[in-house]
Amino acid sequence: MGFHKKTIRDVPIDNHTVLVRVNYDIPVNNSGEISDDLWIRSSLPTIEYLLNRDCKVIVVSHHGKPVGCDAKYSLEPAAARLARLLRRDIRFVSEVVGDRVLQAIKKSPGKSVIVLENLRFYPGEDANDSDFARKLVHSTGARYFVQDGFGVAGNRSATTDVITDFVPSVAGLALEQDYLTILKVVDLTGAKNRLDLPGVEVLLDVGR
């Protein structure tokens, strides 16, 4: 069984601004240093694919369960690690919606990467608030939304659910690979109900 939903390979994505939802909820040690960057590395194929097609890539994620804007949960360290892995400069913006985000993206050239601040600094994310999702799409100027975080695909939050009402949405390469890997494991183990796994059923709606 293949991945039967649209991915970034199936849409005319070249030269567009693309909003990519990743899962950078990565572990950090007591000094605030990243102790495991597996999930950042898993996002590289999608980001590099988009850069190779002259896209402007806007990366968003949550991290932890902050109460308000807590610097402890900032995505700035993840952005720095991503820059190192990509071997290129990227821009970090300490907000998610609003004019500062809009201007930062507008001034960035094509084939650039911009990482926005922790989505959970905004209550609209976990509330699956349509107004927050609409503001995010407007602030980024995104032409496409890419869901690339398998670990969050089962959540009902603004950037996993209601955002698809405002911008064409497709799956990223990491999400596709994770989905196919799980189906393969299910098939090999002889499980009768392949959807009886967290997140897998929700993935069937990706790229609708």
N, C-alpha and C. Protein backbone atom coordinates (compact mmCIF):
# COMPACT_ATOMS: atom_id res chain seq x y z
N MET A 1 0.85 -1.20 0.00
CA MET A 1 0.00 0.00 0.00
C MET A 1 0.88 1.24 0.00
N GLY A 2 0.63 2.14 -0.94
CA GLY A 2 1.43 3.34 -1.04
C GLY A 2 0.80 4.51 -0.30
N PHE A 3 1.45 5.63 -0.41
CA PHE A 3 0.96 6.86 0.21
C PHE A 3 0.07 7.54 -0.81
N HIS A 4 -1.23 7.52 -0.57
CA HIS A 4 -2.18 7.93 -1.60
C HIS A 4 -2.65 9.37 -1.48
N LYS A 5 -1.94 10.17 -0.70
CA LYS A 5 -2.28 11.59 -0.59
C LYS A 5 -1.22 12.43 -1.29
N LYS A 6 -1.56 13.64 -1.63
CA LYS A 6 -0.63 14.51 -2.33
C LYS A 6 0.54 14.90 -1.43
N THR A 7 1.72 14.96 -2.05
CA THR A 7 2.92 15.42 -1.36
C THR A 7 3.47 16.63 -2.11
N ILE A 8 4.59 17.14 -1.64
CA ILE A 8 5.21 18.28 -2.30
C ILE A 8 5.63 17.97 -3.73
N ARG A 9 5.74 16.69 -4.07
CA ARG A 9 6.10 16.31 -5.45
C ARG A 9 4.93 16.47 -6.41
N ASP A 10 3.71 16.60 -5.88
CA ASP A 10 2.51 16.54 -6.72
C ASP A 10 1.89 17.90 -7.02
N VAL A 11 2.52 18.97 -6.58
CA VAL A 11 1.95 20.31 -6.82
C VAL A 11 3.02 21.22 -7.42
N PRO A 12 2.60 22.24 -8.15
CA PRO A 12 3.56 23.17 -8.78
C PRO A 12 4.12 24.15 -7.75
N ILE A 13 5.05 23.65 -6.97
CA ILE A 13 5.51 24.37 -5.79
C ILE A 13 6.68 25.31 -6.06
N ASP A 14 7.28 25.21 -7.24
CA ASP A 14 8.48 25.99 -7.55
C ASP A 14 8.25 27.50 -7.39
N ASN A 15 9.24 28.16 -6.79
CA ASN A 15 9.26 29.62 -6.65
C ASN A 15 8.18 30.18 -5.74
N HIS A 16 7.59 29.34 -4.90
CA HIS A 16 6.54 29.81 -4.00
C HIS A 16 7.05 29.92 -2.56
N THR A 17 6.31 30.65 -1.76
CA THR A 17 6.54 30.68 -0.32
C THR A 17 5.77 29.52 0.29
N VAL A 18 6.47 28.69 1.05
CA VAL A 18 5.88 27.45 1.57
C VAL A 18 6.02 27.40 3.08
N LEU A 19 4.91 27.18 3.75
CA LEU A 19 4.88 27.06 5.21
C LEU A 19 4.98 25.58 5.58
N VAL A 20 6.01 25.21 6.32
CA VAL A 20 6.27 23.81 6.65
C VAL A 20 6.10 23.59 8.14
N ARG A 21 5.17 22.71 8.50
CA ARG A 21 4.94 22.36 9.90
C ARG A 21 5.79 21.13 10.23
N VAL A 22 6.80 21.33 11.07
CA VAL A 22 7.68 20.25 11.48
C VAL A 22 7.43 19.93 12.95
N ASN A 23 8.13 18.91 13.44
CA ASN A 23 8.07 18.60 14.87
C ASN A 23 9.46 18.77 15.46
N TYR A 24 9.71 19.96 15.99
CA TYR A 24 10.99 20.25 16.63
C TYR A 24 10.84 20.23 18.16
N ASP A 25 9.97 19.40 18.66
CA ASP A 25 9.81 19.25 20.10
C ASP A 25 10.92 18.33 20.61
N ILE A 26 12.13 18.83 20.52
CA ILE A 26 13.33 18.03 20.73
C ILE A 26 13.80 18.11 22.17
N PRO A 27 14.50 17.07 22.65
CA PRO A 27 15.00 17.09 24.03
C PRO A 27 16.19 18.03 24.19
N VAL A 28 16.23 18.71 25.31
CA VAL A 28 17.35 19.58 25.65
C VAL A 28 17.83 19.21 27.05
N ASN A 29 19.11 19.46 27.31
CA ASN A 29 19.65 19.14 28.63
C ASN A 29 19.44 20.31 29.60
N ASN A 30 19.95 20.16 30.81
CA ASN A 30 19.74 21.19 31.84
C ASN A 30 20.39 22.52 31.50
N SER A 31 21.33 22.50 30.56
CA SER A 31 22.00 23.73 30.13
C SER A 31 21.30 24.38 28.94
N GLY A 32 20.18 23.77 28.52
CA GLY A 32 19.45 24.30 27.39
C GLY A 32 20.02 23.91 26.05
N GLU A 33 20.94 22.95 26.04
CA GLU A 33 21.54 22.50 24.79
C GLU A 33 20.78 21.30 24.23
N ILE A 34 20.69 21.23 22.92
CA ILE A 34 19.98 20.14 22.27
C ILE A 34 20.74 18.84 22.48
N SER A 35 20.05 17.83 22.99
CA SER A 35 20.71 16.55 23.25
C SER A 35 20.43 15.51 22.17
N ASP A 36 19.44 15.76 21.33
CA ASP A 36 19.12 14.83 20.24
C ASP A 36 18.44 15.63 19.12
N ASP A 37 19.09 15.70 17.96
CA ASP A 37 18.52 16.49 16.85
C ASP A 37 17.91 15.63 15.74
N LEU A 38 17.51 14.41 16.09
CA LEU A 38 16.97 13.49 15.09
C LEU A 38 15.81 14.10 14.32
N TRP A 39 14.89 14.74 15.02
CA TRP A 39 13.72 15.29 14.34
C TRP A 39 14.06 16.48 13.47
N ILE A 40 15.10 17.21 13.83
CA ILE A 40 15.55 18.29 12.95
C ILE A 40 16.15 17.70 11.69
N ARG A 41 16.98 16.68 11.85
CA ARG A 41 17.60 16.03 10.68
C ARG A 41 16.55 15.37 9.79
N SER A 42 15.49 14.87 10.38
CA SER A 42 14.46 14.22 9.57
C SER A 42 13.70 15.21 8.69
N SER A 43 13.76 16.49 9.05
CA SER A 43 13.06 17.51 8.25
C SER A 43 13.89 18.00 7.07
N LEU A 44 15.16 17.63 7.03
CA LEU A 44 16.05 18.16 5.99
C LEU A 44 15.62 17.79 4.57
N PRO A 45 15.22 16.54 4.28
CA PRO A 45 14.84 16.22 2.89
C PRO A 45 13.74 17.13 2.34
N THR A 46 12.74 17.41 3.15
CA THR A 46 11.66 18.29 2.68
C THR A 46 12.17 19.71 2.45
N ILE A 47 12.91 20.24 3.41
CA ILE A 47 13.42 21.61 3.28
C ILE A 47 14.37 21.73 2.09
N GLU A 48 15.25 20.76 1.92
CA GLU A 48 16.19 20.80 0.80
C GLU A 48 15.47 20.65 -0.53
N TYR A 49 14.44 19.81 -0.58
CA TYR A 49 13.64 19.67 -1.81
C TYR A 49 13.05 21.02 -2.20
N LEU A 50 12.49 21.73 -1.22
CA LEU A 50 11.87 23.03 -1.50
C LEU A 50 12.91 24.07 -1.91
N LEU A 51 14.05 24.07 -1.26
CA LEU A 51 15.10 25.02 -1.63
C LEU A 51 15.60 24.76 -3.04
N ASN A 52 15.68 23.50 -3.41
CA ASN A 52 16.13 23.16 -4.77
C ASN A 52 15.13 23.59 -5.83
N ARG A 53 13.91 23.93 -5.39
CA ARG A 53 12.90 24.43 -6.32
C ARG A 53 12.64 25.91 -6.10
N ASP A 54 13.66 26.57 -5.56
CA ASP A 54 13.65 28.03 -5.42
C ASP A 54 12.52 28.55 -4.54
N CYS A 55 12.13 27.76 -3.56
CA CYS A 55 11.07 28.18 -2.64
C CYS A 55 11.63 28.99 -1.48
N LYS A 56 10.78 29.82 -0.93
CA LYS A 56 11.06 30.49 0.33
C LYS A 56 10.39 29.63 1.40
N VAL A 57 11.18 29.08 2.33
CA VAL A 57 10.68 28.07 3.26
C VAL A 57 10.49 28.68 4.66
N ILE A 58 9.25 28.62 5.14
CA ILE A 58 8.93 29.12 6.47
C ILE A 58 8.65 27.93 7.37
N VAL A 59 9.49 27.75 8.39
CA VAL A 59 9.40 26.59 9.27
C VAL A 59 8.70 26.97 10.57
N VAL A 60 7.69 26.17 10.95
CA VAL A 60 6.99 26.39 12.22
C VAL A 60 6.90 25.08 12.99
N SER A 61 6.92 25.21 14.31
CA SER A 61 6.83 24.04 15.18
C SER A 61 6.42 24.50 16.58
N HIS A 62 6.06 23.53 17.41
CA HIS A 62 5.91 23.81 18.84
C HIS A 62 7.13 23.22 19.54
N HIS A 63 7.28 23.56 20.80
CA HIS A 63 8.33 22.96 21.63
C HIS A 63 7.88 23.00 23.08
N GLY A 64 7.73 21.82 23.67
CA GLY A 64 7.33 21.74 25.05
C GLY A 64 5.91 22.22 25.30
N LYS A 65 5.64 22.51 26.56
CA LYS A 65 4.32 23.00 26.96
C LYS A 65 4.48 24.28 27.77
N PRO A 66 4.88 25.35 27.10
CA PRO A 66 5.12 26.61 27.81
C PRO A 66 3.83 27.25 28.31
N VAL A 67 3.96 28.03 29.36
CA VAL A 67 2.86 28.86 29.84
C VAL A 67 3.22 30.29 29.45
N GLY A 68 2.59 30.77 28.39
CA GLY A 68 2.96 32.07 27.87
C GLY A 68 4.27 32.00 27.10
N CYS A 69 4.91 33.14 26.92
CA CYS A 69 6.17 33.21 26.17
C CYS A 69 7.35 32.97 27.11
N ASP A 70 7.75 31.74 27.21
CA ASP A 70 8.83 31.33 28.10
C ASP A 70 10.09 31.06 27.27
N ALA A 71 11.13 31.86 27.48
CA ALA A 71 12.36 31.73 26.70
C ALA A 71 12.96 30.34 26.77
N LYS A 72 12.66 29.62 27.82
CA LYS A 72 13.16 28.24 27.99
C LYS A 72 12.72 27.36 26.83
N TYR A 73 11.58 27.70 26.23
CA TYR A 73 11.02 26.89 25.16
C TYR A 73 11.15 27.54 23.78
N SER A 74 12.01 28.51 23.66
CA SER A 74 12.21 29.17 22.37
C SER A 74 12.74 28.18 21.33
N LEU A 75 12.38 28.42 20.09
CA LEU A 75 12.89 27.60 18.99
C LEU A 75 14.19 28.14 18.41
N GLU A 76 14.74 29.18 19.00
CA GLU A 76 15.98 29.75 18.47
C GLU A 76 17.13 28.74 18.45
N PRO A 77 17.32 27.91 19.50
CA PRO A 77 18.38 26.90 19.43
C PRO A 77 18.15 25.88 18.31
N ALA A 78 16.90 25.51 18.08
CA ALA A 78 16.58 24.58 16.99
C ALA A 78 16.90 25.23 15.65
N ALA A 79 16.61 26.51 15.53
CA ALA A 79 16.92 27.23 14.29
C ALA A 79 18.43 27.25 14.04
N ALA A 80 19.20 27.45 15.10
CA ALA A 80 20.66 27.46 14.96
C ALA A 80 21.18 26.08 14.54
N ARG A 81 20.61 25.03 15.11
CA ARG A 81 21.03 23.68 14.73
C ARG A 81 20.63 23.38 13.28
N LEU A 82 19.45 23.82 12.88
CA LEU A 82 19.02 23.63 11.49
C LEU A 82 19.98 24.33 10.54
N ALA A 83 20.39 25.54 10.87
CA ALA A 83 21.33 26.28 10.02
C ALA A 83 22.64 25.50 9.88
N ARG A 84 23.09 24.92 10.96
CA ARG A 84 24.34 24.15 10.92
C ARG A 84 24.19 22.91 10.04
N LEU A 85 23.05 22.24 10.16
CA LEU A 85 22.83 21.02 9.38
C LEU A 85 22.65 21.34 7.89
N LEU A 86 21.99 22.45 7.60
CA LEU A 86 21.80 22.85 6.20
C LEU A 86 23.05 23.50 5.61
N ARG A 87 23.95 23.92 6.50
CA ARG A 87 25.17 24.62 6.08
C ARG A 87 24.83 25.89 5.31
N ARG A 88 23.92 26.64 5.90
CA ARG A 88 23.51 27.90 5.29
C ARG A 88 22.94 28.81 6.37
N ASP A 89 22.97 30.11 6.11
CA ASP A 89 22.37 31.05 7.03
C ASP A 89 20.85 30.95 6.94
N ILE A 90 20.20 31.02 8.07
CA ILE A 90 18.75 31.10 8.08
C ILE A 90 18.35 32.23 9.01
N ARG A 91 17.11 32.66 8.93
CA ARG A 91 16.66 33.76 9.77
C ARG A 91 15.67 33.24 10.80
N PHE A 92 15.85 33.63 12.05
CA PHE A 92 14.92 33.30 13.12
C PHE A 92 14.12 34.55 13.47
N VAL A 93 12.80 34.40 13.54
CA VAL A 93 11.93 35.51 13.90
C VAL A 93 11.23 35.14 15.20
N SER A 94 11.34 35.99 16.19
CA SER A 94 10.84 35.68 17.53
C SER A 94 9.34 35.91 17.70
N GLU A 95 8.62 35.84 16.60
CA GLU A 95 7.16 35.93 16.62
C GLU A 95 6.63 34.94 15.60
N VAL A 96 5.31 34.77 15.57
CA VAL A 96 4.69 33.81 14.64
C VAL A 96 3.73 34.51 13.69
N VAL A 97 3.02 35.50 14.17
CA VAL A 97 2.08 36.24 13.33
C VAL A 97 2.35 37.74 13.51
N GLY A 98 1.86 38.51 12.55
CA GLY A 98 1.98 39.95 12.67
C GLY A 98 2.91 40.58 11.65
N ASP A 99 3.02 41.90 11.74
CA ASP A 99 3.77 42.65 10.73
C ASP A 99 5.26 42.32 10.74
N ARG A 100 5.82 42.04 11.89
CA ARG A 100 7.25 41.71 11.94
C ARG A 100 7.54 40.46 11.14
N VAL A 101 6.67 39.48 11.25
CA VAL A 101 6.83 38.24 10.47
C VAL A 101 6.66 38.54 8.98
N LEU A 102 5.61 39.29 8.66
CA LEU A 102 5.33 39.62 7.27
C LEU A 102 6.51 40.32 6.62
N GLN A 103 7.08 41.31 7.31
CA GLN A 103 8.19 42.08 6.74
C GLN A 103 9.46 41.25 6.63
N ALA A 104 9.72 40.40 7.62
CA ALA A 104 10.92 39.56 7.58
C ALA A 104 10.88 38.62 6.38
N ILE A 105 9.72 38.05 6.13
CA ILE A 105 9.59 37.12 5.01
C ILE A 105 9.62 37.88 3.69
N LYS A 106 8.97 39.02 3.65
CA LYS A 106 8.95 39.83 2.43
C LYS A 106 10.35 40.24 2.02
N LYS A 107 11.21 40.56 2.99
CA LYS A 107 12.56 41.02 2.70
C LYS A 107 13.55 39.89 2.45
N SER A 108 13.14 38.66 2.74
CA SER A 108 14.04 37.53 2.53
C SER A 108 14.03 37.12 1.06
N PRO A 109 15.17 36.75 0.52
CA PRO A 109 15.22 36.34 -0.90
C PRO A 109 14.64 34.96 -1.11
N GLY A 110 14.45 34.60 -2.37
CA GLY A 110 14.05 33.23 -2.68
C GLY A 110 15.13 32.27 -2.24
N LYS A 111 14.78 31.01 -2.10
CA LYS A 111 15.73 29.98 -1.64
C LYS A 111 16.29 30.33 -0.26
N SER A 112 15.42 30.83 0.61
CA SER A 112 15.83 31.15 1.97
C SER A 112 14.97 30.37 2.96
N VAL A 113 15.46 30.27 4.20
CA VAL A 113 14.74 29.57 5.26
C VAL A 113 14.54 30.52 6.42
N ILE A 114 13.29 30.61 6.87
CA ILE A 114 12.94 31.43 8.03
C ILE A 114 12.27 30.53 9.04
N VAL A 115 12.75 30.54 10.27
CA VAL A 115 12.14 29.77 11.36
C VAL A 115 11.41 30.73 12.29
N LEU A 116 10.14 30.46 12.54
CA LEU A 116 9.35 31.30 13.44
C LEU A 116 9.39 30.75 14.86
N GLU A 117 8.96 31.56 15.81
CA GLU A 117 9.00 31.20 17.22
C GLU A 117 8.00 30.08 17.54
N ASN A 118 8.10 29.56 18.73
CA ASN A 118 7.27 28.46 19.22
C ASN A 118 5.78 28.77 19.05
N LEU A 119 5.10 27.90 18.32
CA LEU A 119 3.67 28.10 18.08
C LEU A 119 2.86 28.14 19.37
N ARG A 120 3.31 27.40 20.38
CA ARG A 120 2.55 27.33 21.62
C ARG A 120 2.71 28.56 22.51
N PHE A 121 3.48 29.54 22.06
CA PHE A 121 3.49 30.83 22.75
C PHE A 121 2.17 31.56 22.48
N TYR A 122 1.39 31.02 21.57
CA TYR A 122 0.12 31.62 21.18
C TYR A 122 -1.01 30.64 21.51
N PRO A 123 -1.97 31.01 22.34
CA PRO A 123 -3.05 30.10 22.73
C PRO A 123 -3.89 29.60 21.57
N GLY A 124 -3.89 30.34 20.46
CA GLY A 124 -4.67 29.92 19.31
C GLY A 124 -4.20 28.63 18.70
N GLU A 125 -2.93 28.27 18.91
CA GLU A 125 -2.42 27.02 18.34
C GLU A 125 -3.12 25.81 18.94
N ASP A 126 -3.02 25.65 20.25
CA ASP A 126 -3.65 24.49 20.89
C ASP A 126 -5.16 24.55 20.85
N ALA A 127 -5.72 25.76 20.72
CA ALA A 127 -7.18 25.91 20.67
C ALA A 127 -7.74 25.60 19.29
N ASN A 128 -6.85 25.31 18.33
CA ASN A 128 -7.28 25.03 16.95
C ASN A 128 -8.12 26.20 16.43
N ASP A 129 -7.63 27.39 16.71
CA ASP A 129 -8.37 28.61 16.42
C ASP A 129 -8.20 29.04 14.96
N SER A 130 -9.30 29.19 14.28
CA SER A 130 -9.25 29.51 12.86
C SER A 130 -8.69 30.91 12.61
N ASP A 131 -8.94 31.84 13.52
CA ASP A 131 -8.42 33.19 13.35
C ASP A 131 -6.89 33.19 13.43
N PHE A 132 -6.34 32.41 14.34
CA PHE A 132 -4.89 32.29 14.45
C PHE A 132 -4.31 31.67 13.19
N ALA A 133 -4.94 30.62 12.69
CA ALA A 133 -4.45 29.97 11.47
C ALA A 133 -4.50 30.92 10.28
N ARG A 134 -5.58 31.69 10.19
CA ARG A 134 -5.73 32.66 9.09
C ARG A 134 -4.65 33.74 9.17
N LYS A 135 -4.37 34.21 10.38
CA LYS A 135 -3.32 35.23 10.56
C LYS A 135 -1.94 34.67 10.20
N LEU A 136 -1.71 33.41 10.52
CA LEU A 136 -0.43 32.78 10.19
C LEU A 136 -0.24 32.70 8.69
N VAL A 137 -1.27 32.30 7.99
CA VAL A 137 -1.19 32.22 6.53
C VAL A 137 -0.98 33.61 5.93
N HIS A 138 -1.71 34.59 6.44
CA HIS A 138 -1.57 35.97 5.93
C HIS A 138 -0.18 36.53 6.23
N SER A 139 0.30 36.32 7.45
CA SER A 139 1.59 36.88 7.85
C SER A 139 2.74 36.29 7.07
N THR A 140 2.64 35.02 6.72
CA THR A 140 3.72 34.35 5.99
C THR A 140 3.59 34.49 4.49
N GLY A 141 2.37 34.78 4.02
CA GLY A 141 2.15 34.84 2.58
C GLY A 141 2.31 33.48 1.91
N ALA A 142 2.05 32.42 2.67
CA ALA A 142 2.27 31.06 2.16
C ALA A 142 1.32 30.72 1.02
N ARG A 143 1.88 30.11 -0.01
CA ARG A 143 1.07 29.61 -1.13
C ARG A 143 0.69 28.15 -0.90
N TYR A 144 1.52 27.44 -0.16
CA TYR A 144 1.23 26.05 0.20
C TYR A 144 1.58 25.82 1.67
N PHE A 145 0.86 24.89 2.27
CA PHE A 145 1.17 24.43 3.62
C PHE A 145 1.59 22.97 3.53
N VAL A 146 2.72 22.64 4.17
CA VAL A 146 3.25 21.28 4.14
C VAL A 146 3.26 20.71 5.55
N GLN A 147 2.54 19.62 5.75
CA GLN A 147 2.57 18.92 7.03
C GLN A 147 3.68 17.88 6.98
N ASP A 148 4.69 18.06 7.83
CA ASP A 148 5.83 17.14 7.79
C ASP A 148 6.19 16.60 9.17
N GLY A 149 5.27 16.73 10.13
CA GLY A 149 5.54 16.23 11.47
C GLY A 149 4.62 15.09 11.83
N PHE A 150 5.08 13.87 11.62
CA PHE A 150 4.24 12.70 11.92
C PHE A 150 3.80 12.70 13.38
N GLY A 151 4.71 13.09 14.27
CA GLY A 151 4.40 13.04 15.69
C GLY A 151 3.30 13.99 16.13
N VAL A 152 2.98 14.98 15.31
CA VAL A 152 1.93 15.93 15.67
C VAL A 152 0.71 15.82 14.76
N ALA A 153 0.77 14.94 13.79
CA ALA A 153 -0.31 14.85 12.81
C ALA A 153 -1.64 14.45 13.43
N GLY A 154 -1.59 13.80 14.58
CA GLY A 154 -2.83 13.40 15.24
C GLY A 154 -3.42 14.47 16.13
N ASN A 155 -2.72 15.60 16.28
CA ASN A 155 -3.23 16.68 17.12
C ASN A 155 -4.31 17.47 16.40
N ARG A 156 -5.22 18.03 17.17
CA ARG A 156 -6.22 18.95 16.62
C ARG A 156 -5.83 20.36 17.02
N SER A 157 -4.81 20.87 16.35
CA SER A 157 -4.34 22.22 16.64
C SER A 157 -4.41 23.04 15.36
N ALA A 158 -4.16 24.33 15.49
CA ALA A 158 -4.33 25.23 14.35
C ALA A 158 -3.45 24.83 13.17
N THR A 159 -2.22 24.38 13.42
CA THR A 159 -1.30 24.06 12.33
C THR A 159 -1.28 22.57 11.98
N THR A 160 -2.26 21.83 12.45
CA THR A 160 -2.41 20.45 12.00
C THR A 160 -3.81 20.18 11.50
N ASP A 161 -4.70 21.13 11.70
CA ASP A 161 -6.10 20.91 11.35
C ASP A 161 -6.71 22.09 10.59
N VAL A 162 -7.11 23.13 11.30
CA VAL A 162 -7.93 24.18 10.69
C VAL A 162 -7.17 25.00 9.65
N ILE A 163 -5.84 24.99 9.69
CA ILE A 163 -5.08 25.76 8.71
C ILE A 163 -5.36 25.30 7.28
N THR A 164 -5.76 24.04 7.13
CA THR A 164 -6.02 23.52 5.78
C THR A 164 -7.25 24.17 5.14
N ASP A 165 -8.01 24.94 5.93
CA ASP A 165 -9.15 25.67 5.36
C ASP A 165 -8.71 26.93 4.62
N PHE A 166 -7.44 27.33 4.80
CA PHE A 166 -7.00 28.62 4.30
C PHE A 166 -5.90 28.56 3.25
N VAL A 167 -5.30 27.41 3.06
CA VAL A 167 -4.20 27.31 2.11
C VAL A 167 -4.10 25.86 1.62
N PRO A 168 -3.78 25.64 0.34
CA PRO A 168 -3.62 24.27 -0.15
C PRO A 168 -2.58 23.52 0.67
N SER A 169 -2.90 22.28 1.04
CA SER A 169 -2.06 21.55 1.99
C SER A 169 -1.66 20.19 1.43
N VAL A 170 -0.38 19.87 1.60
CA VAL A 170 0.16 18.59 1.14
C VAL A 170 1.10 18.03 2.20
N ALA A 171 1.51 16.80 2.00
CA ALA A 171 2.42 16.16 2.94
C ALA A 171 3.87 16.38 2.55
N GLY A 172 4.73 16.38 3.56
CA GLY A 172 6.16 16.47 3.33
C GLY A 172 6.77 15.08 3.19
N LEU A 173 8.06 15.04 2.87
CA LEU A 173 8.73 13.77 2.61
C LEU A 173 8.95 12.96 3.87
N ALA A 174 9.18 13.62 5.01
CA ALA A 174 9.37 12.89 6.26
C ALA A 174 8.08 12.23 6.70
N LEU A 175 6.97 12.95 6.59
CA LEU A 175 5.69 12.38 6.97
C LEU A 175 5.34 11.19 6.07
N GLU A 176 5.58 11.35 4.78
CA GLU A 176 5.32 10.25 3.86
C GLU A 176 6.14 9.02 4.23
N GLN A 177 7.42 9.22 4.51
CA GLN A 177 8.30 8.10 4.84
C GLN A 177 7.89 7.43 6.15
N ASP A 178 7.54 8.21 7.14
CA ASP A 178 7.10 7.64 8.42
C ASP A 178 5.83 6.82 8.24
N TYR A 179 4.92 7.35 7.46
CA TYR A 179 3.66 6.65 7.21
C TYR A 179 3.90 5.31 6.52
N LEU A 180 4.71 5.32 5.48
CA LEU A 180 5.00 4.09 4.75
C LEU A 180 5.75 3.08 5.61
N THR A 181 6.63 3.58 6.46
CA THR A 181 7.37 2.68 7.35
C THR A 181 6.44 1.99 8.33
N ILE A 182 5.50 2.75 8.88
CA ILE A 182 4.56 2.15 9.83
C ILE A 182 3.66 1.12 9.14
N LEU A 183 3.21 1.45 7.94
CA LEU A 183 2.38 0.47 7.21
C LEU A 183 3.16 -0.81 6.92
N LYS A 184 4.43 -0.65 6.62
CA LYS A 184 5.27 -1.82 6.35
C LYS A 184 5.41 -2.68 7.60
N VAL A 185 5.62 -2.02 8.74
CA VAL A 185 5.74 -2.75 10.00
C VAL A 185 4.43 -3.46 10.33
N VAL A 186 3.32 -2.76 10.13
CA VAL A 186 2.00 -3.36 10.37
C VAL A 186 1.81 -4.59 9.49
N ASP A 187 2.20 -4.46 8.23
CA ASP A 187 2.05 -5.57 7.30
C ASP A 187 2.93 -6.76 7.70
N LEU A 188 4.16 -6.47 8.10
CA LEU A 188 5.09 -7.54 8.49
C LEU A 188 4.66 -8.24 9.76
N THR A 189 4.01 -7.52 10.66
CA THR A 189 3.59 -8.11 11.93
C THR A 189 2.21 -8.75 11.83
N GLY A 190 1.56 -8.57 10.70
CA GLY A 190 0.26 -9.20 10.50
C GLY A 190 -0.87 -8.55 11.26
N ALA A 191 -0.70 -7.30 11.65
CA ALA A 191 -1.76 -6.60 12.37
C ALA A 191 -2.99 -6.49 11.48
N LYS A 192 -4.16 -6.71 12.05
CA LYS A 192 -5.39 -6.71 11.25
C LYS A 192 -5.93 -5.30 11.03
N ASN A 193 -5.73 -4.43 11.99
CA ASN A 193 -6.25 -3.07 11.86
C ASN A 193 -5.08 -2.09 11.79
N ARG A 194 -4.68 -1.75 10.59
CA ARG A 194 -3.51 -0.90 10.41
C ARG A 194 -3.74 0.52 10.91
N LEU A 195 -5.01 0.91 11.13
CA LEU A 195 -5.28 2.27 11.59
C LEU A 195 -5.32 2.37 13.10
N ASP A 196 -5.14 1.26 13.78
CA ASP A 196 -5.17 1.27 15.24
C ASP A 196 -3.81 1.69 15.79
N LEU A 197 -3.31 2.80 15.28
CA LEU A 197 -2.02 3.36 15.69
C LEU A 197 -2.18 4.87 15.79
N PRO A 198 -1.65 5.50 16.85
CA PRO A 198 -1.81 6.96 17.01
C PRO A 198 -1.31 7.72 15.79
N GLY A 199 -2.15 8.59 15.28
CA GLY A 199 -1.73 9.46 14.19
C GLY A 199 -1.96 8.92 12.80
N VAL A 200 -2.00 7.60 12.62
CA VAL A 200 -2.09 7.05 11.27
C VAL A 200 -3.41 7.38 10.61
N GLU A 201 -4.51 7.28 11.34
CA GLU A 201 -5.81 7.58 10.76
C GLU A 201 -5.90 9.03 10.33
N VAL A 202 -5.37 9.92 11.15
CA VAL A 202 -5.40 11.35 10.82
C VAL A 202 -4.62 11.62 9.55
N LEU A 203 -3.55 10.87 9.31
CA LEU A 203 -2.74 11.09 8.14
C LEU A 203 -3.51 10.87 6.84
N LEU A 204 -4.58 10.12 6.93
CA LEU A 204 -5.39 9.89 5.73
C LEU A 204 -6.04 11.17 5.23
N ASP A 205 -6.10 12.20 6.10
CA ASP A 205 -6.70 13.47 5.70
C ASP A 205 -5.67 14.47 5.19
N VAL A 206 -4.39 14.14 5.29
CA VAL A 206 -3.35 15.05 4.82
C VAL A 206 -3.42 15.19 3.30
N GLY A 207 -3.38 16.39 2.84
CA GLY A 207 -3.40 16.63 1.40
C GLY A 207 -4.78 16.54 0.80
N ARG A 208 -5.80 16.68 1.64
CA ARG A 208 -7.16 16.59 1.10
C ARG A 208 -7.48 17.81 0.22
